[in-house]
Structures are given as structure tokens and as C-alpha cells.
C-alpha atoms as a PDB file:
ATOM      1  CA  MET A   1     114.488  92.791  70.602  1.00  0.00           C
ATOM      2  CA  ILE A   2     112.791  91.796  73.845  1.00  0.00           C
ATOM      3  CA  ILE A   3     114.560  92.522  77.135  1.00  0.00           C
ATOM      4  CA  ASP A   4     113.061  91.375  80.418  1.00  0.00           C
ATOM      5  CA  SER A   5     114.473  93.837  82.941  1.00  0.00           C
ATOM      6  CA  HIS A   6     113.223  92.209  86.130  1.00  0.00           C
ATOM      7  CA  THR A   7     113.714  88.507  86.859  1.00  0.00           C
ATOM      8  CA  HIS A   8     114.911  86.508  89.865  1.00  0.00           C
ATOM      9  CA  ILE A   9     116.991  83.378  90.296  1.00  0.00           C
ATOM     10  CA  PHE A  10     118.291  81.625  93.408  1.00  0.00           C
ATOM     11  CA  THR A  11     120.929  79.067  94.253  1.00  0.00           C
ATOM     12  CA  GLU A  12     119.992  75.413  93.933  1.00  0.00           C
ATOM     13  CA  PRO A  13     119.977  74.805  97.734  1.00  0.00           C
ATOM     14  CA  VAL A  14     117.401  77.595  98.167  1.00  0.00           C
ATOM     15  CA  ARG A  15     115.290  76.150  95.388  1.00  0.00           C
ATOM     16  CA  GLN A  16     115.454  72.648  96.883  1.00  0.00           C
ATOM     17  CA  ASN A  17     114.764  73.580 100.535  1.00  0.00           C
ATOM     18  CA  ARG A  18     113.624  77.151 101.046  1.00  0.00           C
ATOM     19  CA  SER A  19     112.472  76.647 104.642  1.00  0.00           C
ATOM     20  CA  GLN A  20     116.033  76.246 105.910  1.00  0.00           C
ATOM     21  CA  TYR A  21     116.615  79.868 104.896  1.00  0.00           C
ATOM     22  CA  PHE A  22     113.703  81.328 106.879  1.00  0.00           C
ATOM     23  CA  ASP A  23     115.601  81.866 110.148  1.00  0.00           C
ATOM     24  CA  ASN A  24     116.623  85.520 110.583  1.00  0.00           C
ATOM     25  CA  GLU A  25     115.167  86.262 107.145  1.00  0.00           C
ATOM     26  CA  PRO A  26     111.635  87.518 107.854  1.00  0.00           C
ATOM     27  CA  GLU A  27     111.263  89.192 104.452  1.00  0.00           C
ATOM     28  CA  PHE A  28     112.244  86.032 102.569  1.00  0.00           C
ATOM     29  CA  LYS A  29     109.818  84.000 104.673  1.00  0.00           C
ATOM     30  CA  LEU A  30     107.092  86.586 104.067  1.00  0.00           C
ATOM     31  CA  LEU A  31     107.452  86.314 100.295  1.00  0.00           C
ATOM     32  CA  TYR A  32     108.289  82.645  99.908  1.00  0.00           C
ATOM     33  CA  ASN A  33     106.621  80.817 102.782  1.00  0.00           C
ATOM     34  CA  SER A  34     103.818  79.721 100.478  1.00  0.00           C
ATOM     35  CA  PRO A  35     104.704  76.777  98.206  1.00  0.00           C
ATOM     36  CA  LYS A  36     102.849  78.666  95.469  1.00  0.00           C
ATOM     37  CA  ALA A  37     105.646  81.277  95.489  1.00  0.00           C
ATOM     38  CA  LYS A  38     107.911  79.979  92.738  1.00  0.00           C
ATOM     39  CA  ILE A  39     111.687  79.815  93.033  1.00  0.00           C
ATOM     40  CA  CYS A  40     113.639  79.091  89.883  1.00  0.00           C
ATOM     41  CA  HIS A  41     117.135  78.348  88.625  1.00  0.00           C
ATOM     42  CA  ILE A  42     118.858  79.897  85.597  1.00  0.00           C
ATOM     43  CA  ASN A  43     117.981  76.899  83.393  1.00  0.00           C
ATOM     44  CA  GLU A  44     114.257  77.419  83.955  1.00  0.00           C
ATOM     45  CA  LEU A  45     114.612  81.094  83.068  1.00  0.00           C
ATOM     46  CA  LEU A  46     116.423  80.252  79.825  1.00  0.00           C
ATOM     47  CA  GLU A  47     113.686  77.783  78.897  1.00  0.00           C
ATOM     48  CA  SER A  48     111.064  80.472  79.438  1.00  0.00           C
ATOM     49  CA  MET A  49     113.081  82.964  77.398  1.00  0.00           C
ATOM     50  CA  ASP A  50     113.199  80.545  74.476  1.00  0.00           C
ATOM     51  CA  LYS A  51     109.481  79.863  74.734  1.00  0.00           C
ATOM     52  CA  TYR A  52     108.481  83.532  74.790  1.00  0.00           C
ATOM     53  CA  GLN A  53     111.196  84.891  72.475  1.00  0.00           C
ATOM     54  CA  VAL A  54     112.967  86.957  75.126  1.00  0.00           C
ATOM     55  CA  ASP A  55     116.429  87.908  73.877  1.00  0.00           C
ATOM     56  CA  ILE A  56     117.988  89.158  77.122  1.00  0.00           C
ATOM     57  CA  SER A  57     116.992  88.858  80.768  1.00  0.00           C
ATOM     58  CA  ILE A  58     118.381  90.958  83.593  1.00  0.00           C
ATOM     59  CA  ILE A  59     118.541  88.817  86.693  1.00  0.00           C
ATOM     60  CA  CYS A  60     118.804  89.545  90.399  1.00  0.00           C
ATOM     61  CA  GLY A  61     118.626  87.630  93.645  1.00  0.00           C
ATOM     62  CA  PHE A  62     117.186  88.626  97.010  1.00  0.00           C
ATOM     63  CA  PRO A  63     118.200  91.267  99.611  1.00  0.00           C
ATOM     64  CA  TRP A  64     119.239  88.767 102.269  1.00  0.00           C
ATOM     65  CA  HIS A  65     120.160  89.902 105.769  1.00  0.00           C
ATOM     66  CA  THR A  66     122.740  87.122 106.024  1.00  0.00           C
ATOM     67  CA  PRO A  67     125.930  88.180 104.184  1.00  0.00           C
ATOM     68  CA  GLU A  68     126.759  84.569 103.333  1.00  0.00           C
ATOM     69  CA  PHE A  69     123.424  84.140 101.534  1.00  0.00           C
ATOM     70  CA  THR A  70     123.919  87.448  99.752  1.00  0.00           C
ATOM     71  CA  ILE A  71     127.322  86.482  98.406  1.00  0.00           C
ATOM     72  CA  GLN A  72     126.114  83.022  97.359  1.00  0.00           C
ATOM     73  CA  ASN A  73     123.154  84.496  95.485  1.00  0.00           C
ATOM     74  CA  ASN A  74     125.268  87.172  93.793  1.00  0.00           C
ATOM     75  CA  ASP A  75     127.858  84.570  92.841  1.00  0.00           C
ATOM     76  CA  ILE A  76     125.232  82.558  90.964  1.00  0.00           C
ATOM     77  CA  ILE A  77     124.170  85.778  89.205  1.00  0.00           C
ATOM     78  CA  ILE A  78     127.795  86.451  88.195  1.00  0.00           C
ATOM     79  CA  GLU A  79     128.254  82.843  87.081  1.00  0.00           C
ATOM     80  CA  SER A  80     125.116  83.017  84.916  1.00  0.00           C
ATOM     81  CA  VAL A  81     126.229  86.262  83.271  1.00  0.00           C
ATOM     82  CA  GLN A  82     129.640  84.819  82.500  1.00  0.00           C
ATOM     83  CA  LYS A  83     128.174  81.582  81.150  1.00  0.00           C
ATOM     84  CA  TYR A  84     125.504  83.246  78.978  1.00  0.00           C
ATOM     85  CA  PRO A  85     126.942  86.705  78.151  1.00  0.00           C
ATOM     86  CA  ASN A  86     124.695  87.300  75.150  1.00  0.00           C
ATOM     87  CA  ARG A  87     121.482  86.405  76.938  1.00  0.00           C
ATOM     88  CA  ILE A  88     121.898  87.180  80.624  1.00  0.00           C
ATOM     89  CA  LYS A  89     122.822  90.411  82.407  1.00  0.00           C
ATOM     90  CA  GLY A  90     122.820  90.779  86.165  1.00  0.00           C
ATOM     91  CA  LEU A  91     122.274  93.115  89.086  1.00  0.00           C
ATOM     92  CA  ALA A  92     123.974  93.044  92.482  1.00  0.00           C
ATOM     93  CA  CYS A  93     121.411  92.399  95.209  1.00  0.00           C
ATOM     94  CA  PHE A  94     121.850  92.816  98.964  1.00  0.00           C
ATOM     95  CA  ASP A  95     120.378  94.297 102.096  1.00  0.00           C
ATOM     96  CA  ALA A  96     121.230  97.996 101.751  1.00  0.00           C
ATOM     97  CA  ALA A  97     121.573  98.222 105.543  1.00  0.00           C
ATOM     98  CA  TRP A  98     124.468  95.747 105.459  1.00  0.00           C
ATOM     99  CA  ILE A  99     127.740  97.481 106.323  1.00  0.00           C
ATOM    100  CA  GLY A 100     129.340  95.665 103.393  1.00  0.00           C
ATOM    101  CA  ALA A 101     126.742  96.751 100.810  1.00  0.00           C
ATOM    102  CA  ALA A 102     128.946  99.266  98.997  1.00  0.00           C
ATOM    103  CA  ASP A 103     131.877  96.844  98.855  1.00  0.00           C
ATOM    104  CA  GLU A 104     129.590  94.097  97.549  1.00  0.00           C
ATOM    105  CA  THR A 105     128.333  96.492  94.889  1.00  0.00           C
ATOM    106  CA  THR A 106     131.910  97.134  93.786  1.00  0.00           C
ATOM    107  CA  ARG A 107     132.754  93.414  93.788  1.00  0.00           C
ATOM    108  CA  CYS A 108     129.759  92.549  91.634  1.00  0.00           C
ATOM    109  CA  LEU A 109     130.223  95.395  89.163  1.00  0.00           C
ATOM    110  CA  ASP A 110     133.909  94.530  88.760  1.00  0.00           C
ATOM    111  CA  ALA A 111     132.796  90.960  88.005  1.00  0.00           C
ATOM    112  CA  GLY A 112     130.630  92.169  85.130  1.00  0.00           C
ATOM    113  CA  LEU A 113     127.214  92.992  86.561  1.00  0.00           C
ATOM    114  CA  CYS A 114     125.452  96.045  85.159  1.00  0.00           C
ATOM    115  CA  GLY A 115     123.818  97.667  88.186  1.00  0.00           C
ATOM    116  CA  ALA A 116     122.171  96.979  91.525  1.00  0.00           C
ATOM    117  CA  GLY A 117     118.744  95.653  92.424  1.00  0.00           C
ATOM    118  CA  GLU A 118     116.150  94.681  93.314  1.00  0.00           C
ATOM    119  CA  LEU A 119     116.858  96.543  96.537  1.00  0.00           C
ATOM    120  CA  ALA A 120     113.933  96.499  98.922  1.00  0.00           C
ATOM    121  CA  PHE A 121     112.776  97.801 102.281  1.00  0.00           C
ATOM    122  CA  TYR A 122     109.870  95.438 102.815  1.00  0.00           C
ATOM    123  CA  LEU A 123     109.196  96.204 106.467  1.00  0.00           C
ATOM    124  CA  SER A 124     110.066  99.881 106.732  1.00  0.00           C
ATOM    125  CA  GLY A 125     109.347 101.534 103.417  1.00  0.00           C
ATOM    126  CA  ILE A 126     111.907 103.965 102.012  1.00  0.00           C
ATOM    127  CA  ASP A 127     112.298 106.091 105.127  1.00  0.00           C
ATOM    128  CA  ASN A 128     115.200 108.368 106.092  1.00  0.00           C
ATOM    129  CA  ASN A 129     117.225 105.423 107.370  1.00  0.00           C
ATOM    130  CA  ALA A 130     116.773 103.651 104.043  1.00  0.00           C
ATOM    131  CA  LEU A 131     117.992 106.721 102.164  1.00  0.00           C
ATOM    132  CA  ALA A 132     121.083 106.846 104.372  1.00  0.00           C
ATOM    133  CA  PHE A 133     121.791 103.161 103.715  1.00  0.00           C
ATOM    134  CA  LEU A 134     121.458 103.730  99.970  1.00  0.00           C
ATOM    135  CA  ASP A 135     123.855 106.667  99.854  1.00  0.00           C
ATOM    136  CA  PRO A 136     127.181 104.749  99.652  1.00  0.00           C
ATOM    137  CA  VAL A 137     125.702 102.261  97.178  1.00  0.00           C
ATOM    138  CA  MET A 138     124.475 105.061  94.936  1.00  0.00           C
ATOM    139  CA  ALA A 139     127.929 106.646  95.096  1.00  0.00           C
ATOM    140  CA  VAL A 140     129.528 103.430  93.812  1.00  0.00           C
ATOM    141  CA  LEU A 141     127.012 103.192  90.974  1.00  0.00           C
ATOM    142  CA  ARG A 142     127.798 106.758  89.916  1.00  0.00           C
ATOM    143  CA  GLU A 143     131.534 106.160  90.067  1.00  0.00           C
ATOM    144  CA  LYS A 144     131.244 103.016  87.941  1.00  0.00           C
ATOM    145  CA  GLY A 145     129.581 104.833  85.051  1.00  0.00           C
ATOM    146  CA  ASN A 146     126.247 105.820  86.532  1.00  0.00           C
ATOM    147  CA  LEU A 147     124.826 102.319  86.390  1.00  0.00           C
ATOM    148  CA  PRO A 148     121.139 101.774  87.220  1.00  0.00           C
ATOM    149  CA  CYS A 149     119.669 100.824  90.574  1.00  0.00           C
ATOM    150  CA  MET A 150     116.335  98.981  90.667  1.00  0.00           C
ATOM    151  CA  ILE A 151     114.317  99.576  93.833  1.00  0.00           C
ATOM    152  CA  HIS A 152     111.175  97.816  94.978  1.00  0.00           C
ATOM    153  CA  THR A 153     108.170 100.115  95.145  1.00  0.00           C
ATOM    154  CA  ASN A 154     104.448  99.492  95.266  1.00  0.00           C
ATOM    155  CA  GLU A 155     101.134 101.306  95.254  1.00  0.00           C
ATOM    156  CA  PRO A 156     100.269 102.667  98.744  1.00  0.00           C
ATOM    157  CA  VAL A 157      96.552 101.834  98.413  1.00  0.00           C
ATOM    158  CA  GLY A 158      94.464  98.806  97.539  1.00  0.00           C
ATOM    159  CA  HIS A 159      94.598  95.179  98.583  1.00  0.00           C
ATOM    160  CA  TYR A 160      97.357  93.664 100.695  1.00  0.00           C
ATOM    161  CA  TYR A 161      99.690  90.958  99.383  1.00  0.00           C
ATOM    162  CA  PRO A 162     103.024  89.525 100.602  1.00  0.00           C
ATOM    163  CA  GLY A 163     105.777  91.998  99.774  1.00  0.00           C
ATOM    164  CA  LYS A 164     103.560  95.070  99.810  1.00  0.00           C
ATOM    165  CA  THR A 165     105.597  97.596 101.769  1.00  0.00           C
ATOM    166  CA  PRO A 166     104.401 100.520 103.935  1.00  0.00           C
ATOM    167  CA  ILE A 167     105.721 102.940 101.344  1.00  0.00           C
ATOM    168  CA  THR A 168     104.246 106.333 100.473  1.00  0.00           C
ATOM    169  CA  LEU A 169     104.339 108.369  97.287  1.00  0.00           C
ATOM    170  CA  GLU A 170     106.157 111.064  99.231  1.00  0.00           C
ATOM    171  CA  GLN A 171     108.897 108.558 100.102  1.00  0.00           C
ATOM    172  CA  ILE A 172     109.267 107.584  96.463  1.00  0.00           C
ATOM    173  CA  TYR A 173     109.415 111.236  95.429  1.00  0.00           C
ATOM    174  CA  THR A 174     111.997 111.957  98.150  1.00  0.00           C
ATOM    175  CA  LEU A 175     114.090 109.047  96.862  1.00  0.00           C
ATOM    176  CA  ALA A 176     114.207 110.664  93.420  1.00  0.00           C
ATOM    177  CA  LYS A 177     115.064 114.065  94.933  1.00  0.00           C
ATOM    178  CA  THR A 178     117.791 112.591  97.157  1.00  0.00           C
ATOM    179  CA  PHE A 179     119.659 110.934  94.287  1.00  0.00           C
ATOM    180  CA  PRO A 180     119.062 113.228  91.278  1.00  0.00           C
ATOM    181  CA  ASP A 181     122.173 112.066  89.437  1.00  0.00           C
ATOM    182  CA  ASN A 182     121.528 108.324  89.763  1.00  0.00           C
ATOM    183  CA  LYS A 183     119.583 106.285  87.245  1.00  0.00           C
ATOM    184  CA  ILE A 184     116.826 104.641  89.284  1.00  0.00           C
ATOM    185  CA  ILE A 185     114.345 102.010  88.152  1.00  0.00           C
ATOM    186  CA  LEU A 186     111.190 101.944  90.250  1.00  0.00           C
ATOM    187  CA  ALA A 187     109.819  98.412  90.141  1.00  0.00           C
ATOM    188  CA  HIS A 188     106.076  97.741  89.824  1.00  0.00           C
ATOM    189  CA  TRP A 189     105.302 100.993  87.990  1.00  0.00           C
ATOM    190  CA  GLY A 190     106.764 103.065  90.818  1.00  0.00           C
ATOM    191  CA  GLY A 191     103.580 102.677  92.814  1.00  0.00           C
ATOM    192  CA  GLY A 192     101.874 104.937  90.248  1.00  0.00           C
ATOM    193  CA  VAL A 193     104.045 107.959  91.003  1.00  0.00           C
ATOM    194  CA  PHE A 194     104.668 108.504  87.286  1.00  0.00           C
ATOM    195  CA  PHE A 195     101.232 110.130  87.081  1.00  0.00           C
ATOM    196  CA  TYR A 196     102.772 113.241  88.635  1.00  0.00           C
ATOM    197  CA  ASN A 197     105.034 113.657  85.634  1.00  0.00           C
ATOM    198  CA  ILE A 198     102.218 115.749  84.167  1.00  0.00           C
ATOM    199  CA  MET A 199     102.547 118.403  86.873  1.00  0.00           C
ATOM    200  CA  LYS A 200     103.741 121.751  85.527  1.00  0.00           C
ATOM    201  CA  LYS A 201     106.412 122.472  88.115  1.00  0.00           C
ATOM    202  CA  GLU A 202     109.375 120.533  89.529  1.00  0.00           C
ATOM    203  CA  THR A 203     108.354 116.931  88.991  1.00  0.00           C
ATOM    204  CA  LYS A 204     109.546 116.509  85.380  1.00  0.00           C
ATOM    205  CA  ASN A 205     113.017 117.559  86.450  1.00  0.00           C
ATOM    206  CA  ILE A 206     112.929 115.406  89.593  1.00  0.00           C
ATOM    207  CA  PHE A 207     111.903 112.389  87.515  1.00  0.00           C
ATOM    208  CA  LYS A 208     114.458 112.952  84.736  1.00  0.00           C
ATOM    209  CA  ASN A 209     116.540 109.918  85.760  1.00  0.00           C
ATOM    210  CA  ILE A 210     113.660 107.695  86.840  1.00  0.00           C
ATOM    211  CA  TRP A 211     112.481 104.588  84.958  1.00  0.00           C
ATOM    212  CA  TYR A 212     109.544 102.285  85.713  1.00  0.00           C
ATOM    213  CA  ASP A 213     109.178  98.549  85.183  1.00  0.00           C
ATOM    214  CA  THR A 214     106.004  96.568  84.638  1.00  0.00           C
ATOM    215  CA  ALA A 215     106.675  93.776  87.158  1.00  0.00           C
ATOM    216  CA  ALA A 216     103.458  92.157  88.444  1.00  0.00           C
ATOM    217  CA  SER A 217     101.357  94.542  86.333  1.00  0.00           C
ATOM    218  CA  PRO A 218      98.740  91.924  85.318  1.00  0.00           C
ATOM    219  CA  PHE A 219      98.041  91.329  89.022  1.00  0.00           C
ATOM    220  CA  LEU A 220      97.770  95.033  89.811  1.00  0.00           C
ATOM    221  CA  TYR A 221      96.466  97.072  86.875  1.00  0.00           C
ATOM    222  CA  ASP A 222      94.192  96.962  83.871  1.00  0.00           C
ATOM    223  CA  PRO A 223      95.888  97.156  80.444  1.00  0.00           C
ATOM    224  CA  GLN A 224      94.954 100.862  80.463  1.00  0.00           C
ATOM    225  CA  ILE A 225      98.058 101.456  82.615  1.00  0.00           C
ATOM    226  CA  TYR A 226     100.114 101.472  79.409  1.00  0.00           C
ATOM    227  CA  ASP A 227      97.899 104.160  77.860  1.00  0.00           C
ATOM    228  CA  ILE A 228      98.185 106.264  81.012  1.00  0.00           C
ATOM    229  CA  ALA A 229     101.981 105.965  80.915  1.00  0.00           C
ATOM    230  CA  VAL A 230     101.970 107.260  77.353  1.00  0.00           C
ATOM    231  CA  ASP A 231      99.672 110.140  78.303  1.00  0.00           C
ATOM    232  CA  ALA A 232     101.951 110.967  81.252  1.00  0.00           C
ATOM    233  CA  GLY A 233     104.883 111.291  78.875  1.00  0.00           C
ATOM    234  CA  VAL A 234     106.936 108.382  80.211  1.00  0.00           C
ATOM    235  CA  ALA A 235     106.634 105.845  77.382  1.00  0.00           C
ATOM    236  CA  ASP A 236     110.397 106.106  76.871  1.00  0.00           C
ATOM    237  CA  LYS A 237     110.992 105.271  80.550  1.00  0.00           C
ATOM    238  CA  VAL A 238     108.910 102.086  80.871  1.00  0.00           C
ATOM    239  CA  LEU A 239     110.708  98.730  80.904  1.00  0.00           C
ATOM    240  CA  LEU A 240     109.250  95.269  80.476  1.00  0.00           C
ATOM    241  CA  GLY A 241     109.753  93.454  83.761  1.00  0.00           C
ATOM    242  CA  THR A 242     108.004  90.156  84.409  1.00  0.00           C
ATOM    243  CA  ASP A 243     109.241  89.432  87.952  1.00  0.00           C
ATOM    244  CA  PHE A 244     109.818  85.921  86.585  1.00  0.00           C
ATOM    245  CA  PRO A 245     108.988  83.326  87.785  1.00  0.00           C
ATOM    246  CA  LEU A 246     106.015  85.227  89.213  1.00  0.00           C
ATOM    247  CA  LEU A 247     104.426  85.525  85.768  1.00  0.00           C
ATOM    248  CA  PRO A 248     105.366  84.464  82.221  1.00  0.00           C
ATOM    249  CA  PRO A 249     106.043  87.139  79.587  1.00  0.00           C
ATOM    250  CA  GLU A 250     102.901  86.260  77.626  1.00  0.00           C
ATOM    251  CA  ARG A 251     100.731  87.858  80.319  1.00  0.00           C
ATOM    252  CA  TYR A 252     102.460  91.188  79.673  1.00  0.00           C
ATOM    253  CA  TYR A 253     102.325  90.812  75.890  1.00  0.00           C
ATOM    254  CA  LYS A 254      98.574  90.273  76.174  1.00  0.00           C
ATOM    255  CA  ASP A 255      98.054  93.389  78.286  1.00  0.00           C
ATOM    256  CA  MET A 256     100.037  95.513  75.832  1.00  0.00           C
ATOM    257  CA  ASP A 257      97.999  94.109  72.950  1.00  0.00           C
ATOM    258  CA  ASN A 258      94.816  95.014  74.847  1.00  0.00           C
ATOM    259  CA  SER A 259      95.987  98.584  75.389  1.00  0.00           C
ATOM    260  CA  LYS A 260      95.928 101.396  72.853  1.00  0.00           C
ATOM    261  CA  ILE A 261      99.680 101.951  72.610  1.00  0.00           C
ATOM    262  CA  SER A 262     101.261 102.044  69.169  1.00  0.00           C
ATOM    263  CA  THR A 263     103.544  99.400  67.693  1.00  0.00           C
ATOM    264  CA  LEU A 264     106.524 101.712  68.198  1.00  0.00           C
ATOM    265  CA  GLN A 265     105.609 102.350  71.843  1.00  0.00           C
ATOM    266  CA  LYS A 266     105.250  98.607  72.390  1.00  0.00           C
ATOM    267  CA  GLU A 267     108.707  98.029  70.892  1.00  0.00           C
ATOM    268  CA  MET A 268     110.131 100.674  73.212  1.00  0.00           C
ATOM    269  CA  ILE A 269     108.662  99.030  76.296  1.00  0.00           C
ATOM    270  CA  LEU A 270     109.585  95.514  75.196  1.00  0.00           C
ATOM    271  CA  GLY A 271     113.252  96.289  74.744  1.00  0.00           C
ATOM    272  CA  LYS A 272     114.402  99.541  73.180  1.00  0.00           C
ATOM    273  CA  ASN A 273     114.122 101.528  76.409  1.00  0.00           C
ATOM    274  CA  ALA A 274     116.137  98.955  78.353  1.00  0.00           C
ATOM    275  CA  ALA A 275     118.772  98.749  75.612  1.00  0.00           C
ATOM    276  CA  ARG A 276     119.218 102.517  75.847  1.00  0.00           C
ATOM    277  CA  LEU A 277     119.294 102.549  79.646  1.00  0.00           C
ATOM    278  CA  TYR A 278     121.809  99.716  79.956  1.00  0.00           C
ATOM    279  CA  LYS A 279     123.737 100.787  76.842  1.00  0.00           C
END
């Protein structure tokens, strides 16, 4: 089974005319101002899934500042899950700083979504204010069966690209320490923080409920990243995430084939780990 744990879809009006959504949405404009930044609908995702033999995709929207946009995007996620229950699962997405974030989390979970994400702090990083905003959302996720929360992270070094946040490894580590009982997925390999799983003290316990997805990996890392994850002891915590429509699944399949991981480890990353996490 292949499960893509990190994909995005938008409403048709956003897909048809993205520029009308730029006002008061600096993060959306930052990521999608370029016409090369793809925006897709559920039908395009399903076509890709058929082409690349993906059994299930977990979809999310965008953390809009405008509540109306948030609700519209989450509604299309809910609609897709209800229409394709055997193929599509969904996450509630919103601006965590929105006063209605916890209530929106509850609404979406009650409608059948299986967690929250991709939550992002593109301009600030995951600072103390971000942790405070996340607190009520994390409480809802725990109360609803300890459902996962996917959070945008990125490597704090290297080249700049749209969506690269001013995050630090210490912030990511503090996130894990602040919510030890929540299941947290760190997108984009957690900015590389999983390396510290090999430390002898503290970190293994701090990271016990942390998962990592592979979103954008072919843009960021050599195929050796999979070998390093195995050596760090987190092969059972890595999830295939394509960030579709950013990249097609075949780019990730190729990188795994060019790594040294075993067939079993590849099967875990492609779907078994996600099936266990999402039950």
C-alpha cells in the first residue's frame, strides 16, 4: 500500500484566479505568486494517484488568515473525503493564530477529518507566540483520540526559497518538548532534526511522538537522506509526503531506489508507517 501523507488541494476559484486571494494573505502570495507554483483540484490529484499507484492521499489546504477562505478550503477537503472515503483522507488547515482555530479543528474532525495540518508559521518561525497559538488546537487533537498534527518545518541553513521560514532547530525541539503527548508530523524531514535521535540522553524520549515526512525531499536532499534516517533509528517514523502538486510521486520512488534502504524499509516509508499512525 502506498499512502501519500502530504498533498494540497484548493477550491476551484483559487485555482482559476489566485491573484484575487493575495490581499491580506502575504504567505499565500509568497508561495503562489509565481505561475510556476502549481495549484490543483481533487480531480487532478486522483489522476496522479492512479498514474503512480498511490492508494490513499491525505490532503490539506492552506493556513489562510481570512476565516472565510479557511472554511471554504476545509469544506472542499471535507467534501473530497466524503466523496472518496477509500482513497482520500483529510487534515484541518487554518492559521493557528485565528481565535477560531480550536473550534474549526473540532468542526473538521467531527466532519470526518483525521488530524490537523499543514500548520505553518512562514514569517515568524515556531516562536513562543506560535506555541501559545497551538496549545488549544493540540488540546482538541488529544481529546479527539490523539490525532496527528502536521507542522511545516524546514532546514535552517542552505539556499533560500519561497516558504523557507526563519525557524531554528531549537524551536523545533521546543515544539516537541511543549507537546509531548501529541502526535506531531514534522514536514520536510523536520529540518534535519531527526539526526539528534542518536544522542544518548533526552532526545529519544522527546522525539517519541514525532514523525517526519519527505515533502520536497528531491529538491533538498540527496537520496542518502533515507540511509541517514535508518541509521538515526527513525525508519518507522518516516512518511512518504510528496507536497503534491509540487512534485509527482515518481521523484520520491526514484530517490528511495537510489538509496541503500531495504525493501521492508521502503514499504514502511511508502505506506505502512502512515497506516499505523493514522490507524
